[in-house]
C-alpha atoms as a PDB file:
ATOM      1  CA  MET A   1      23.610 -38.717  -9.662  1.00  0.00           C
ATOM      2  CA  LEU A   2      25.772 -37.685  -6.722  1.00  0.00           C
ATOM      3  CA  LYS A   3      28.295 -40.191  -5.434  1.00  0.00           C
ATOM      4  CA  ILE A   4      27.980 -40.863  -1.696  1.00  0.00           C
ATOM      5  CA  LYS A   5      31.285 -41.100   0.166  1.00  0.00           C
ATOM      6  CA  THR A   6      31.557 -42.362   3.721  1.00  0.00           C
ATOM      7  CA  PRO A   7      33.943 -40.495   6.044  1.00  0.00           C
ATOM      8  CA  LYS A   8      37.194 -42.360   6.736  1.00  0.00           C
ATOM      9  CA  THR A   9      38.688 -40.178   9.481  1.00  0.00           C
ATOM     10  CA  GLN A  10      37.346 -39.097  12.867  1.00  0.00           C
ATOM     11  CA  ARG A  11      37.541 -35.454  11.821  1.00  0.00           C
ATOM     12  CA  ALA A  12      35.389 -36.121   8.750  1.00  0.00           C
ATOM     13  CA  LYS A  13      32.894 -38.097  10.846  1.00  0.00           C
ATOM     14  CA  ARG A  14      32.560 -35.199  13.292  1.00  0.00           C
ATOM     15  CA  ALA A  15      32.000 -32.798  10.371  1.00  0.00           C
ATOM     16  CA  VAL A  16      29.243 -35.040   8.925  1.00  0.00           C
ATOM     17  CA  GLU A  17      27.552 -35.381  12.334  1.00  0.00           C
ATOM     18  CA  LYS A  18      27.662 -31.613  12.790  1.00  0.00           C
ATOM     19  CA  ARG A  19      25.747 -31.123   9.526  1.00  0.00           C
ATOM     20  CA  ALA A  20      23.199 -33.875  10.225  1.00  0.00           C
ATOM     21  CA  PRO A  21      19.613 -32.944  11.244  1.00  0.00           C
ATOM     22  CA  LYS A  22      19.277 -32.250  14.983  1.00  0.00           C
ATOM     23  CA  LEU A  23      16.349 -32.334  17.405  1.00  0.00           C
ATOM     24  CA  VAL A  24      17.523 -28.966  18.768  1.00  0.00           C
ATOM     25  CA  GLU A  25      18.655 -26.904  15.786  1.00  0.00           C
ATOM     26  CA  SER A  26      21.408 -24.314  15.786  1.00  0.00           C
ATOM     27  CA  GLY A  27      21.222 -21.033  13.820  1.00  0.00           C
ATOM     28  CA  LYS A  28      20.074 -21.439  10.209  1.00  0.00           C
ATOM     29  CA  LYS A  29      22.220 -20.150   7.359  1.00  0.00           C
ATOM     30  CA  THR A  30      20.702 -18.672   4.210  1.00  0.00           C
ATOM     31  CA  LEU A  31      21.883 -19.320   0.657  1.00  0.00           C
ATOM     32  CA  ILE A  32      21.237 -16.494  -1.855  1.00  0.00           C
ATOM     33  CA  LEU A  33      21.348 -17.404  -5.563  1.00  0.00           C
ATOM     34  CA  HIS A  34      20.766 -15.826  -8.994  1.00  0.00           C
ATOM     35  CA  GLY A  35      18.881 -17.445 -11.854  1.00  0.00           C
ATOM     36  CA  THR A  36      19.686 -17.380 -15.568  1.00  0.00           C
ATOM     37  CA  LYS A  37      18.402 -13.822 -15.886  1.00  0.00           C
ATOM     38  CA  THR A  38      17.851 -11.177 -13.210  1.00  0.00           C
ATOM     39  CA  SER A  39      16.794  -7.525 -13.339  1.00  0.00           C
ATOM     40  CA  ASP A  40      18.502  -4.584 -11.641  1.00  0.00           C
ATOM     41  CA  VAL A  41      15.662  -4.411  -9.110  1.00  0.00           C
ATOM     42  CA  LEU A  42      16.042  -8.081  -8.256  1.00  0.00           C
ATOM     43  CA  ASN A  43      19.830  -7.798  -7.908  1.00  0.00           C
ATOM     44  CA  THR A  44      19.336  -4.966  -5.417  1.00  0.00           C
ATOM     45  CA  VAL A  45      16.710  -6.993  -3.513  1.00  0.00           C
ATOM     46  CA  LEU A  46      19.063  -9.992  -3.181  1.00  0.00           C
ATOM     47  CA  THR A  47      21.953  -7.741  -2.109  1.00  0.00           C
ATOM     48  CA  GLN A  48      19.870  -6.061   0.592  1.00  0.00           C
ATOM     49  CA  ILE A  49      18.507  -9.362   1.900  1.00  0.00           C
ATOM     50  CA  TYR A  50      22.128 -10.471   2.190  1.00  0.00           C
ATOM     51  CA  HIS A  51      22.906  -7.189   3.993  1.00  0.00           C
ATOM     52  CA  LEU A  52      20.155  -7.916   6.545  1.00  0.00           C
ATOM     53  CA  LYS A  53      21.501 -11.446   7.103  1.00  0.00           C
ATOM     54  CA  ARG A  54      25.206 -10.950   6.391  1.00  0.00           C
ATOM     55  CA  ASP A  55      26.210 -12.482   9.748  1.00  0.00           C
ATOM     56  CA  ASN A  56      24.608 -15.793   8.754  1.00  0.00           C
ATOM     57  CA  ALA A  57      24.298 -15.984   4.947  1.00  0.00           C
ATOM     58  CA  VAL A  58      26.162 -17.138   1.823  1.00  0.00           C
ATOM     59  CA  LYS A  59      25.700 -15.251  -1.463  1.00  0.00           C
ATOM     60  CA  TYR A  60      26.576 -16.604  -4.913  1.00  0.00           C
ATOM     61  CA  THR A  61      26.834 -14.051  -7.724  1.00  0.00           C
ATOM     62  CA  LYS A  62      27.183 -16.409 -10.712  1.00  0.00           C
ATOM     63  CA  LYS A  63      24.146 -17.264 -12.825  1.00  0.00           C
ATOM     64  CA  ASN A  64      22.606 -20.735 -12.383  1.00  0.00           C
ATOM     65  CA  GLU A  65      20.822 -22.127 -15.427  1.00  0.00           C
ATOM     66  CA  ASN A  66      19.810 -25.525 -14.041  1.00  0.00           C
ATOM     67  CA  ILE A  67      17.919 -24.388 -10.946  1.00  0.00           C
ATOM     68  CA  ARG A  68      14.119 -24.607 -11.241  1.00  0.00           C
ATOM     69  CA  PRO A  69      12.816 -25.291  -7.713  1.00  0.00           C
ATOM     70  CA  PHE A  70       9.193 -26.053  -8.688  1.00  0.00           C
ATOM     71  CA  GLU A  71      10.084 -28.493 -11.486  1.00  0.00           C
ATOM     72  CA  CYS A  72      10.966 -32.154 -11.026  1.00  0.00           C
ATOM     73  CA  GLY A  73      14.740 -32.539 -11.303  1.00  0.00           C
ATOM     74  CA  GLY A  74      15.327 -28.793 -11.245  1.00  0.00           C
ATOM     75  CA  GLU A  75      16.206 -28.840  -7.548  1.00  0.00           C
ATOM     76  CA  THR A  76      19.339 -31.036  -7.853  1.00  0.00           C
ATOM     77  CA  SER A  77      21.841 -28.168  -8.103  1.00  0.00           C
ATOM     78  CA  LEU A  78      20.060 -26.290  -5.336  1.00  0.00           C
ATOM     79  CA  GLU A  79      20.299 -29.255  -2.969  1.00  0.00           C
ATOM     80  CA  PHE A  80      23.977 -29.699  -3.877  1.00  0.00           C
ATOM     81  CA  PHE A  81      24.730 -26.055  -2.979  1.00  0.00           C
ATOM     82  CA  SER A  82      22.754 -26.456   0.251  1.00  0.00           C
ATOM     83  CA  LEU A  83      24.862 -29.487   1.204  1.00  0.00           C
ATOM     84  CA  LYS A  84      28.093 -27.734   0.215  1.00  0.00           C
ATOM     85  CA  THR A  85      27.410 -24.575   2.247  1.00  0.00           C
ATOM     86  CA  ASP A  86      25.370 -26.221   5.054  1.00  0.00           C
ATOM     87  CA  CYS A  87      22.435 -23.830   4.468  1.00  0.00           C
ATOM     88  CA  SER A  88      18.873 -24.759   5.421  1.00  0.00           C
ATOM     89  CA  LEU A  89      17.213 -21.652   3.924  1.00  0.00           C
ATOM     90  CA  PHE A  90      17.542 -20.224   0.419  1.00  0.00           C
ATOM     91  CA  VAL A  91      16.462 -17.194  -1.611  1.00  0.00           C
ATOM     92  CA  PHE A  92      16.483 -17.660  -5.396  1.00  0.00           C
ATOM     93  CA  GLY A  93      15.954 -14.723  -7.754  1.00  0.00           C
ATOM     94  CA  SER A  94      14.984 -14.882 -11.424  1.00  0.00           C
ATOM     95  CA  HIS A  95      13.377 -12.605 -14.026  1.00  0.00           C
ATOM     96  CA  SER A  96      11.299 -13.445 -17.088  1.00  0.00           C
ATOM     97  CA  LYS A  97       8.475 -11.974 -19.133  1.00  0.00           C
ATOM     98  CA  LYS A  98       5.957 -14.354 -17.567  1.00  0.00           C
ATOM     99  CA  ARG A  99       7.215 -13.856 -13.979  1.00  0.00           C
ATOM    100  CA  PRO A 100       9.089 -10.536 -13.639  1.00  0.00           C
ATOM    101  CA  ASN A 101      11.156  -9.828 -10.491  1.00  0.00           C
ATOM    102  CA  ASN A 102      10.528 -13.308  -9.159  1.00  0.00           C
ATOM    103  CA  LEU A 103      11.740 -14.490  -5.737  1.00  0.00           C
ATOM    104  CA  VAL A 104      11.555 -18.078  -4.498  1.00  0.00           C
ATOM    105  CA  LEU A 105      11.874 -18.471  -0.724  1.00  0.00           C
ATOM    106  CA  GLY A 106      12.382 -21.995   0.536  1.00  0.00           C
ATOM    107  CA  ARG A 107      13.426 -24.198   3.415  1.00  0.00           C
ATOM    108  CA  MET A 108      15.487 -27.387   3.446  1.00  0.00           C
ATOM    109  CA  PHE A 109      15.325 -30.515   5.558  1.00  0.00           C
ATOM    110  CA  ASP A 110      18.306 -32.853   5.470  1.00  0.00           C
ATOM    111  CA  HIS A 111      19.505 -30.770   2.459  1.00  0.00           C
ATOM    112  CA  HIS A 112      16.378 -31.618   0.455  1.00  0.00           C
ATOM    113  CA  ILE A 113      13.619 -29.147  -0.413  1.00  0.00           C
ATOM    114  CA  TYR A 114      11.024 -28.953   2.367  1.00  0.00           C
ATOM    115  CA  ASP A 115       8.673 -26.213   1.138  1.00  0.00           C
ATOM    116  CA  LEU A 116       8.604 -23.294  -1.333  1.00  0.00           C
ATOM    117  CA  VAL A 117       6.938 -19.889  -1.671  1.00  0.00           C
ATOM    118  CA  GLU A 118       7.192 -17.885  -4.898  1.00  0.00           C
ATOM    119  CA  VAL A 119       6.568 -14.130  -4.717  1.00  0.00           C
ATOM    120  CA  GLY A 120       6.834 -11.215  -7.111  1.00  0.00           C
ATOM    121  CA  VAL A 121       8.498  -7.956  -6.019  1.00  0.00           C
ATOM    122  CA  ASP A 122       6.660  -4.666  -6.661  1.00  0.00           C
ATOM    123  CA  ASN A 123       7.153  -1.051  -5.481  1.00  0.00           C
ATOM    124  CA  PHE A 124      10.640  -1.765  -4.168  1.00  0.00           C
ATOM    125  CA  ARG A 125      12.480   0.950  -2.208  1.00  0.00           C
ATOM    126  CA  PRO A 126      16.124   0.305  -1.215  1.00  0.00           C
ATOM    127  CA  MET A 127      17.760   1.345   2.056  1.00  0.00           C
ATOM    128  CA  GLU A 128      19.513   4.296   0.401  1.00  0.00           C
ATOM    129  CA  SER A 129      16.188   6.001  -0.379  1.00  0.00           C
ATOM    130  CA  PHE A 130      15.291   6.417   3.341  1.00  0.00           C
ATOM    131  CA  GLU A 131      16.545   9.373   5.381  1.00  0.00           C
ATOM    132  CA  TYR A 132      17.041   8.786   9.107  1.00  0.00           C
ATOM    133  CA  ASP A 133      19.533   9.278  11.921  1.00  0.00           C
ATOM    134  CA  LYS A 134      22.370   6.822  11.285  1.00  0.00           C
ATOM    135  CA  LYS A 135      22.629   6.185  15.035  1.00  0.00           C
ATOM    136  CA  LEU A 136      19.396   4.189  14.679  1.00  0.00           C
ATOM    137  CA  THR A 137      20.968   1.730  12.215  1.00  0.00           C
ATOM    138  CA  PRO A 138      20.275  -1.812  13.526  1.00  0.00           C
ATOM    139  CA  ARG A 139      23.275  -3.728  14.802  1.00  0.00           C
ATOM    140  CA  ILE A 140      24.473  -6.913  13.132  1.00  0.00           C
ATOM    141  CA  GLY A 141      23.157 -10.050  14.826  1.00  0.00           C
ATOM    142  CA  SER A 142      20.519  -8.309  16.989  1.00  0.00           C
ATOM    143  CA  LYS A 143      17.148 -10.028  17.415  1.00  0.00           C
ATOM    144  CA  PRO A 144      14.179  -8.409  15.626  1.00  0.00           C
ATOM    145  CA  PHE A 145      10.516  -7.920  16.460  1.00  0.00           C
ATOM    146  CA  PHE A 146       7.902  -9.134  13.964  1.00  0.00           C
ATOM    147  CA  ALA A 147       4.531  -7.500  13.340  1.00  0.00           C
ATOM    148  CA  PHE A 148       2.006  -9.309  11.108  1.00  0.00           C
ATOM    149  CA  ILE A 149      -0.974  -7.028  10.502  1.00  0.00           C
ATOM    150  CA  GLY A 150      -4.149  -8.370   8.916  1.00  0.00           C
ATOM    151  CA  ASP A 151      -6.547 -11.311   9.252  1.00  0.00           C
ATOM    152  CA  GLY A 152      -5.155 -12.882   6.084  1.00  0.00           C
ATOM    153  CA  PHE A 153      -2.169 -14.283   7.992  1.00  0.00           C
ATOM    154  CA  GLU A 154      -4.594 -16.472   9.973  1.00  0.00           C
ATOM    155  CA  SER A 155      -7.203 -17.345   7.323  1.00  0.00           C
ATOM    156  CA  VAL A 156      -5.475 -17.458   3.894  1.00  0.00           C
ATOM    157  CA  GLU A 157      -3.328 -20.555   3.325  1.00  0.00           C
ATOM    158  CA  GLU A 158      -0.768 -18.796   1.091  1.00  0.00           C
ATOM    159  CA  LEU A 159      -0.217 -15.948   3.577  1.00  0.00           C
ATOM    160  CA  LYS A 160       0.048 -18.358   6.524  1.00  0.00           C
ATOM    161  CA  HIS A 161       2.752 -20.227   4.628  1.00  0.00           C
ATOM    162  CA  LEU A 162       4.547 -16.988   3.701  1.00  0.00           C
ATOM    163  CA  LYS A 163       4.456 -15.895   7.360  1.00  0.00           C
ATOM    164  CA  GLU A 164       6.195 -19.123   8.475  1.00  0.00           C
ATOM    165  CA  VAL A 165       8.923 -18.766   5.836  1.00  0.00           C
ATOM    166  CA  LEU A 166       9.562 -15.076   6.620  1.00  0.00           C
ATOM    167  CA  LEU A 167       9.839 -15.857  10.326  1.00  0.00           C
ATOM    168  CA  ASP A 168      12.395 -18.584   9.654  1.00  0.00           C
ATOM    169  CA  LEU A 169      14.297 -16.366   7.229  1.00  0.00           C
ATOM    170  CA  PHE A 170      14.807 -13.295   9.432  1.00  0.00           C
ATOM    171  CA  ARG A 171      14.484 -14.356  13.076  1.00  0.00           C
ATOM    172  CA  GLY A 172      18.062 -15.633  13.455  1.00  0.00           C
ATOM    173  CA  GLU A 173      19.106 -18.078  16.143  1.00  0.00           C
ATOM    174  CA  VAL A 174      16.456 -19.259  18.623  1.00  0.00           C
ATOM    175  CA  VAL A 175      17.294 -18.191  22.191  1.00  0.00           C
ATOM    176  CA  GLU A 176      15.641 -18.817  25.572  1.00  0.00           C
ATOM    177  CA  ASN A 177      16.434 -15.474  27.232  1.00  0.00           C
ATOM    178  CA  LEU A 178      16.370 -12.062  25.603  1.00  0.00           C
ATOM    179  CA  ASN A 179      17.497  -8.600  26.711  1.00  0.00           C
ATOM    180  CA  LEU A 180      14.783  -6.191  25.544  1.00  0.00           C
ATOM    181  CA  ALA A 181      17.240  -3.284  25.570  1.00  0.00           C
ATOM    182  CA  GLY A 182      19.161  -4.979  22.739  1.00  0.00           C
ATOM    183  CA  ILE A 183      16.172  -5.177  20.357  1.00  0.00           C
ATOM    184  CA  ASP A 184      16.575  -2.317  17.913  1.00  0.00           C
ATOM    185  CA  HIS A 185      14.557  -3.178  14.781  1.00  0.00           C
ATOM    186  CA  VAL A 186      11.266  -4.692  13.633  1.00  0.00           C
ATOM    187  CA  PHE A 187       9.948  -6.306  10.445  1.00  0.00           C
ATOM    188  CA  VAL A 188       6.405  -5.169   9.635  1.00  0.00           C
ATOM    189  CA  CYS A 189       4.267  -7.271   7.279  1.00  0.00           C
ATOM    190  CA  THR A 190       0.810  -5.948   6.328  1.00  0.00           C
ATOM    191  CA  ALA A 191      -1.698  -8.063   4.391  1.00  0.00           C
ATOM    192  CA  LEU A 192      -3.084  -5.719   1.720  1.00  0.00           C
ATOM    193  CA  SER A 193      -5.145  -8.482   0.036  1.00  0.00           C
ATOM    194  CA  SER A 194      -5.388 -12.267  -0.085  1.00  0.00           C
ATOM    195  CA  SER A 195      -2.210 -12.442  -2.215  1.00  0.00           C
ATOM    196  CA  THR A 196      -0.282  -9.190  -1.531  1.00  0.00           C
ATOM    197  CA  VAL A 197       1.842  -8.349   1.520  1.00  0.00           C
ATOM    198  CA  PHE A 198       3.573  -5.032   2.213  1.00  0.00           C
ATOM    199  CA  PHE A 199       6.977  -5.809   3.767  1.00  0.00           C
ATOM    200  CA  THR A 200       9.112  -3.126   5.425  1.00  0.00           C
ATOM    201  CA  HIS A 201      12.008  -2.866   7.872  1.00  0.00           C
ATOM    202  CA  CYS A 202      11.943  -0.304  10.706  1.00  0.00           C
ATOM    203  CA  ALA A 203      14.284   0.788  13.488  1.00  0.00           C
ATOM    204  CA  LEU A 204      13.051   1.273  17.054  1.00  0.00           C
ATOM    205  CA  ARG A 205      13.469   4.640  18.766  1.00  0.00           C
ATOM    206  CA  LEU A 206      12.887   4.758  22.544  1.00  0.00           C
ATOM    207  CA  LYS A 207      11.519   8.005  24.012  1.00  0.00           C
ATOM    208  CA  ARG A 208      10.542   9.154  27.485  1.00  0.00           C
ATOM    209  CA  SER A 209       6.962   8.466  28.470  1.00  0.00           C
ATOM    210  CA  GLY A 210       6.929   9.654  32.097  1.00  0.00           C
ATOM    211  CA  THR A 211       6.743   6.041  33.306  1.00  0.00           C
ATOM    212  CA  ALA A 212       9.179   3.165  33.709  1.00  0.00           C
ATOM    213  CA  ILE A 213       8.144   1.830  30.273  1.00  0.00           C
ATOM    214  CA  PRO A 214       9.561   3.948  27.398  1.00  0.00           C
ATOM    215  CA  ARG A 215       7.487   4.981  24.398  1.00  0.00           C
ATOM    216  CA  MET A 216       8.493   3.262  21.160  1.00  0.00           C
ATOM    217  CA  GLU A 217       8.551   4.901  17.743  1.00  0.00           C
ATOM    218  CA  LEU A 218       9.132   3.175  14.417  1.00  0.00           C
ATOM    219  CA  VAL A 219      11.547   4.776  11.946  1.00  0.00           C
ATOM    220  CA  GLU A 220      11.509   3.214   8.474  1.00  0.00           C
ATOM    221  CA  VAL A 221      15.063   2.310   7.421  1.00  0.00           C
ATOM    222  CA  GLY A 222      14.309  -0.013   4.504  1.00  0.00           C
ATOM    223  CA  PRO A 223      14.150  -1.983   2.423  1.00  0.00           C
ATOM    224  CA  SER A 224      10.409  -2.018   1.701  1.00  0.00           C
ATOM    225  CA  MET A 225       8.489  -3.825  -1.032  1.00  0.00           C
ATOM    226  CA  ASP A 226       5.186  -5.435  -1.993  1.00  0.00           C
ATOM    227  CA  LEU A 227       5.335  -9.233  -2.099  1.00  0.00           C
ATOM    228  CA  VAL A 228       2.733 -10.795  -4.424  1.00  0.00           C
ATOM    229  CA  VAL A 229       2.286 -14.526  -3.774  1.00  0.00           C
ATOM    230  CA  ARG A 230       2.331 -16.494  -7.032  1.00  0.00           C
ATOM    231  CA  ARG A 231       2.911 -20.173  -6.181  1.00  0.00           C
ATOM    232  CA  HIS A 232       3.603 -22.164  -3.056  1.00  0.00           C
ATOM    233  CA  GLN A 233       4.405 -25.789  -2.305  1.00  0.00           C
ATOM    234  CA  LEU A 234       3.723 -27.393   1.081  1.00  0.00           C
ATOM    235  CA  PRO A 235       5.603 -30.462   2.372  1.00  0.00           C
ATOM    236  CA  ASN A 236       3.917 -33.863   2.376  1.00  0.00           C
ATOM    237  CA  ASP A 237       2.668 -35.296   5.678  1.00  0.00           C
ATOM    238  CA  SER A 238       5.453 -37.860   6.199  1.00  0.00           C
ATOM    239  CA  LEU A 239       8.219 -35.290   5.581  1.00  0.00           C
ATOM    240  CA  LYS A 240       6.486 -32.754   7.842  1.00  0.00           C
ATOM    241  CA  LYS A 241       6.176 -35.315  10.640  1.00  0.00           C
ATOM    242  CA  GLU A 242       9.881 -36.176  10.354  1.00  0.00           C
ATOM    243  CA  ALA A 243      10.946 -32.519  10.300  1.00  0.00           C
ATOM    244  CA  MET A 244       8.709 -31.480  13.229  1.00  0.00           C
ATOM    245  CA  LYS A 245      10.168 -34.062  15.593  1.00  0.00           C
ATOM    246  CA  THR A 246      10.905 -32.601  19.042  1.00  0.00           C
ATOM    247  CA  THR A 247      12.448 -33.813  22.281  1.00  0.00           C
ATOM    248  CA  THR A 248       9.213 -33.445  24.280  1.00  0.00           C
ATOM    249  CA  GLY A 249       7.861 -36.816  23.158  1.00  0.00           C
ATOM    250  CA  GLN A 250      11.132 -38.642  23.762  1.00  0.00           C
ATOM    251  CA  PRO A 251      11.473 -40.582  27.055  1.00  0.00           C
ATOM    252  CA  LYS A 252      14.066 -39.153  29.411  1.00  0.00           C
ATOM    253  CA  LYS A 253      17.197 -41.186  29.953  1.00  0.00           C
ATOM    254  CA  LYS A 254      17.232 -42.687  33.444  1.00  0.00           C
ATOM    255  CA  ILE A 255      20.092 -41.482  35.633  1.00  0.00           C
ATOM    256  CA  LYS A 256      21.555 -43.988  38.054  1.00  0.00           C
ATOM    257  CA  ASN A 257      21.096 -43.413  41.819  1.00  0.00           C
ATOM    258  CA  VAL A 258      19.013 -40.248  41.279  1.00  0.00           C
ATOM    259  CA  SER A 259      15.344 -39.997  42.191  1.00  0.00           C
ATOM    260  CA  SER A 260      12.870 -37.170  42.713  1.00  0.00           C
ATOM    261  CA  ASP A 261      10.543 -36.460  45.590  1.00  0.00           C
ATOM    262  CA  VAL A 262       7.583 -34.059  45.806  1.00  0.00           C
ATOM    263  CA  LEU A 263       8.824 -32.474  49.034  1.00  0.00           C
ATOM    264  CA  GLN A 264      12.597 -32.902  48.906  1.00  0.00           C
ATOM    265  CA  GLY A 265      13.012 -32.513  45.130  1.00  0.00           C
ATOM    266  CA  LYS A 266      16.020 -34.214  43.558  1.00  0.00           C
ATOM    267  CA  ILE A 267      17.565 -36.930  45.734  1.00  0.00           C
ATOM    268  CA  GLY A 268      20.865 -38.668  45.013  1.00  0.00           C
ATOM    269  CA  LYS A 269      22.445 -41.762  46.560  1.00  0.00           C
ATOM    270  CA  ILE A 270      26.189 -42.051  47.087  1.00  0.00           C
ATOM    271  CA  TYR A 271      27.640 -45.533  47.607  1.00  0.00           C
ATOM    272  CA  ILE A 272      30.884 -45.667  49.614  1.00  0.00           C
ATOM    273  CA  PRO A 273      32.744 -48.992  49.928  1.00  0.00           C
ATOM    274  CA  ASP A 274      33.608 -50.415  53.375  1.00  0.00           C
ATOM    275  CA  GLN A 275      36.507 -48.406  54.807  1.00  0.00           C
ATOM    276  CA  LYS A 276      37.765 -51.279  57.060  1.00  0.00           C
ATOM    277  CA  VAL A 277      38.838 -48.874  59.780  1.00  0.00           C
ATOM    278  CA  GLY A 278      39.569 -51.667  62.286  1.00  0.00           C
ATOM    279  CA  GLY A 279      42.407 -53.048  60.169  1.00  0.00           C
ATOM    280  CA  ILE A 280      44.146 -49.711  59.529  1.00  0.00           C
ATOM    281  CA  ALA A 281      47.494 -49.340  61.357  1.00  0.00           C
ATOM    282  CA  LEU A 282      47.788 -45.999  63.117  1.00  0.00           C
ATOM    283  CA  SER A 283      51.148 -44.236  63.064  1.00  0.00           C
ATOM    284  CA  ASN A 284      52.785 -42.712  66.120  1.00  0.00           C
ATOM    285  CA  ASP A 285      52.677 -39.236  64.586  1.00  0.00           C
ATOM    286  CA  VAL A 286      48.974 -38.746  65.160  1.00  0.00           C
ATOM    287  CA  LYS A 287      48.260 -35.484  67.004  1.00  0.00           C
ATOM    288  CA  GLY A 288      45.736 -37.118  69.310  1.00  0.00           C
ATOM    289  CA  LEU A 289      48.293 -39.687  70.441  1.00  0.00           C
ATOM    290  CA  LYS A 290      50.906 -36.968  71.089  1.00  0.00           C
ATOM    291  CA  ARG A 291      48.526 -35.226  73.450  1.00  0.00           C
ATOM    292  CA  GLU A 292      47.810 -38.470  75.295  1.00  0.00           C
ATOM    293  CA  ARG A 293      51.534 -39.146  75.681  1.00  0.00           C
ATOM    294  CA  ARG A 294      52.114 -35.650  77.081  1.00  0.00           C
ATOM    295  CA  GLU A 295      49.358 -36.099  79.623  1.00  0.00           C
ATOM    296  CA  ALA A 296      50.649 -39.567  80.533  1.00  0.00           C
ATOM    297  CA  ARG A 297      54.174 -38.152  80.971  1.00  0.00           C
ATOM    298  CA  LYS A 298      52.888 -35.385  83.228  1.00  0.00           C
ATOM    299  CA  THR A 299      50.915 -37.890  85.330  1.00  0.00           C
ATOM    300  CA  LYS A 300      53.978 -40.107  85.629  1.00  0.00           C
ATOM    301  CA  VAL A 301      56.198 -37.202  86.756  1.00  0.00           C
ATOM    302  CA  VAL A 302      53.640 -36.056  89.317  1.00  0.00           C
ATOM    303  CA  GLY A 303      53.343 -39.621  90.658  1.00  0.00           C
ATOM    304  CA  GLU A 304      57.129 -39.968  90.975  1.00  0.00           C
ATOM    305  CA  ASN A 305      57.377 -36.629  92.841  1.00  0.00           C
ATOM    306  CA  GLU A 306      54.650 -37.656  95.269  1.00  0.00           C
ATOM    307  CA  ALA A 307      56.398 -41.001  95.879  1.00  0.00           C
ATOM    308  CA  LYS A 308      59.701 -39.189  96.663  1.00  0.00           C
ATOM    309  CA  LYS A 309      57.928 -36.848  99.095  1.00  0.00           C
ATOM    310  CA  ARG A 310      56.442 -39.809 100.972  1.00  0.00           C
ATOM    311  CA  LYS A 311      59.824 -41.487 101.262  1.00  0.00           C
ATOM    312  CA  THR A 312      61.379 -38.266 102.561  1.00  0.00           C
ATOM    313  CA  ALA A 313      58.582 -37.746 105.069  1.00  0.00           C
ATOM    314  CA  SER A 314      58.857 -41.301 106.409  1.00  0.00           C
ATOM    315  CA  LYS A 315      62.595 -40.891 107.066  1.00  0.00           C
END
């Protein structure tokens, strides 16, 4: 059993708060792990998944004997690694006679297992087996397109679940605005049957079409593989309700002295204390007073000159 320690410094408290669940999530990191035994194909698959997500992923190369995500108690080490690396997604690879080239894709909530999808890898082709212009190589951190082809992604429960996990795994950070010129690759998932999905990675090539909208061509850059769904585990209702909490249902915090109007929009009130202008002593250096004194001086001089002229005239 893990020992729970409370943070004693402000720095540690800030670090714990940063890792706590948030209503508005930041980018999700992915943890990539090996089981007790893995095949060469599976090692290549894990390496290339890490290559696709190397800007936001952590890869462990040591074998882990105690990780069995679908068994009770077998998730303890996995949850510990998730807490240690602050990863909310994981990819676990293992190989056995009963389940060859086995991949377990899963999501975490509060560093505990949320849901799981187990798939087998068939007909794998690595990136090195594809020939294409290297200028088309997708950039690190760019946002991808997703194409899910087939009715199975809407009707079959296992494929619907796999679609959600794949979207979370490869979409990167959620953004509000997107520059379409920066999108340079697409993940294509085709439902071949109720349990098999063809997964491939393509680059986008833009060509002239004679209009303002360019013509798009897909160039396969790899990897590609068939994913055969074996087992999946959905979250229970209470955990799903807690994890799907959003800010839309939360009441907005009232802001003082701010109101809204249909016509005028946002209206704010500013309260200014009494200035007590009547009790303020004015200095003699005020520009307005200087002008008054100049005019008064001129009037006085003119009056004295007129008085002198009268005296002289009377004599």
